[in-house]
Amino acid sequence: QVQLVESGGGLVQAGGSLRLSCVGSGRLFSDNVMAWFRQAPRKEREFVAGISWSGGTKSYADVVKGRFTISRDNAKNTVYLNMDSLKSEDTAVYYCAAARDSIIVRTLPGTYNWWGQGTQVTVSS
C-alpha cells in the first residue's frame, strides 16, 4: 500500500511561516519526483513546488518563488515545504504528490501518480 501523509498545516497570520511535511511509505520514496500542489475553494489545483529524487532539481511556481523552499530527506522518506512571508492568497489545501519519474519535475497534476489527503493552510490578513 502506497501512502503519502501530510502534516504541518494550520492558521497563521500574514507574514508568518509554516513548515509542511509529507511522509511516504510503501515503495515510495527515494526514486520519485515529489511535489506540493494546492487548491483553494472554487479554484483548480495548482503546482507549488517540486523536487527531483536527488534534490538536485527544484522548481517553483512564480507566485511562491523567494518565499517557499522545498527540500527532501530520503533517509526519512520525507519532503518538506517551508513557507515564509505567507499571504492571504496562500490559503488553500496543500497536497503532497509523487510521480513515477525520478528526474523531471512536471507541473501538471495529471502527471503525478500518488497523492496525500491534504492539509489546510489558512493565512489571516
Protein backbone atom coordinates (compact mmCIF):
# COMPACT_ATOMS: atom_id res chain seq x y z
CA GLN A 1 0.00 0.00 0.00
CA VAL A 2 1.43 3.35 -1.11
CA GLN A 3 0.68 6.24 1.20
CA LEU A 4 1.57 9.90 1.47
CA VAL A 5 0.68 11.67 4.69
CA GLU A 6 0.93 15.43 5.06
CA SER A 7 1.17 17.41 8.27
CA GLY A 8 2.02 20.89 9.46
CA GLY A 9 -0.88 22.92 8.20
CA GLY A 10 -2.72 25.42 10.36
CA LEU A 11 -3.74 29.01 10.89
CA VAL A 12 -1.11 31.72 10.64
CA GLN A 13 -1.10 35.48 10.32
CA ALA A 14 0.03 37.16 7.14
CA GLY A 15 3.81 37.49 7.10
CA GLY A 16 4.22 34.38 9.19
CA SER A 17 5.75 30.99 8.41
CA LEU A 18 4.75 27.35 8.33
CA ARG A 19 6.53 24.12 7.53
CA LEU A 20 4.67 21.31 5.83
CA SER A 21 5.91 17.72 5.91
CA CYS A 22 4.96 14.72 3.80
CA VAL A 23 5.98 11.20 4.73
CA GLY A 24 5.92 8.48 2.09
CA SER A 25 5.52 4.78 2.75
CA GLY A 26 5.41 1.60 0.79
CA ARG A 27 7.58 1.56 -2.30
CA LEU A 28 7.91 5.30 -2.30
CA PHE A 29 10.01 7.43 -1.92
CA SER A 30 13.63 7.90 -2.86
CA ASP A 31 13.17 7.15 -6.59
CA ASN A 32 10.33 9.57 -7.15
CA VAL A 33 9.89 13.19 -8.04
CA MET A 34 7.91 14.77 -5.22
CA ALA A 35 5.81 17.91 -5.38
CA TRP A 36 3.44 20.13 -3.50
CA PHE A 37 0.20 21.35 -5.02
CA ARG A 38 -2.55 23.47 -3.53
CA GLN A 39 -6.23 24.02 -4.13
CA ALA A 40 -8.23 26.98 -2.93
CA PRO A 41 -12.04 26.99 -2.86
CA ARG A 42 -13.56 27.25 -6.34
CA LYS A 43 -10.12 27.11 -7.95
CA GLU A 44 -8.22 24.41 -9.78
CA ARG A 45 -5.41 22.50 -8.16
CA GLU A 46 -2.13 24.28 -8.89
CA PHE A 47 1.54 23.40 -8.74
CA VAL A 48 3.51 24.99 -5.92
CA ALA A 49 6.92 23.32 -5.88
CA GLY A 50 8.64 20.12 -6.95
CA ILE A 51 11.92 18.32 -6.36
CA SER A 52 13.78 15.53 -8.15
CA TRP A 53 14.79 12.31 -6.43
CA SER A 54 18.26 13.59 -5.56
CA GLY A 55 17.16 17.09 -4.63
CA GLY A 56 19.34 18.44 -7.42
CA THR A 57 16.45 19.90 -9.38
CA LYS A 58 13.84 22.13 -7.78
CA SER A 59 11.03 24.01 -9.43
CA TYR A 60 8.68 26.65 -8.05
CA ALA A 61 5.56 28.43 -9.16
CA ASP A 62 6.27 32.10 -9.83
CA VAL A 63 3.86 33.20 -7.10
CA VAL A 64 5.88 31.44 -4.38
CA LYS A 65 9.45 31.96 -5.62
CA GLY A 66 11.62 33.53 -2.98
CA ARG A 67 9.11 32.71 -0.22
CA PHE A 68 8.75 28.91 -0.30
CA THR A 69 11.50 26.29 -0.19
CA ILE A 70 11.10 22.60 -0.99
CA SER A 71 13.52 20.00 0.35
CA ARG A 72 13.65 16.28 0.99
CA ASP A 73 15.29 13.77 3.29
CA ASN A 74 15.26 10.39 1.57
CA ALA A 75 16.55 8.64 4.68
CA LYS A 76 13.37 9.76 6.43
CA ASN A 77 11.08 9.34 3.40
CA THR A 78 10.03 12.94 3.93
CA VAL A 79 9.59 16.01 1.75
CA TYR A 80 9.21 19.45 3.26
CA LEU A 81 7.76 22.77 2.20
CA ASN A 82 9.00 25.75 4.16
CA MET A 83 6.66 28.67 3.64
CA ASP A 84 7.73 32.17 4.65
CA SER A 85 6.16 35.60 4.20
CA LEU A 86 2.76 33.99 3.87
CA LYS A 87 -0.04 35.93 2.24
CA SER A 88 -3.79 35.55 2.45
CA GLU A 89 -3.80 34.27 -1.13
CA ASP A 90 -1.70 31.30 0.00
CA THR A 91 -4.76 29.98 1.83
CA ALA A 92 -5.60 26.56 0.40
CA VAL A 93 -5.49 22.84 1.00
CA TYR A 94 -1.93 21.72 0.29
CA TYR A 95 -1.33 18.28 -1.22
CA CYS A 96 1.80 16.19 -1.46
CA ALA A 97 2.23 14.19 -4.66
CA ALA A 98 4.65 11.64 -6.06
CA ALA A 99 5.43 10.80 -9.67
CA ARG A 100 6.86 7.67 -11.23
CA ASP A 101 9.52 9.85 -12.84
CA SER A 102 12.64 10.42 -10.80
CA ILE A 103 14.21 13.38 -12.57
CA ILE A 104 11.82 15.66 -14.47
CA VAL A 105 9.70 17.92 -12.29
CA ARG A 106 6.38 18.48 -14.04
CA THR A 107 3.72 20.96 -13.07
CA LEU A 108 0.51 19.29 -14.22
CA PRO A 109 -1.46 17.37 -11.58
CA GLY A 110 -2.20 14.61 -14.07
CA THR A 111 1.47 13.69 -14.28
CA TYR A 112 1.56 12.63 -10.62
CA ASN A 113 0.50 9.16 -9.61
CA TRP A 114 0.07 9.26 -5.85
CA TRP A 115 -1.48 11.88 -3.61
CA GLY A 116 -1.82 12.62 0.06
CA GLN A 117 -5.07 13.58 1.73
CA GLY A 118 -4.15 17.26 2.04
CA THR A 119 -3.53 19.67 4.88
CA GLN A 120 -5.29 23.01 5.32
CA VAL A 121 -3.26 26.21 5.41
CA THR A 122 -5.13 29.36 6.37
CA VAL A 123 -3.45 32.75 6.33
CA SER A 124 -5.31 35.56 8.06
CA SER A 125 -4.78 39.13 6.94
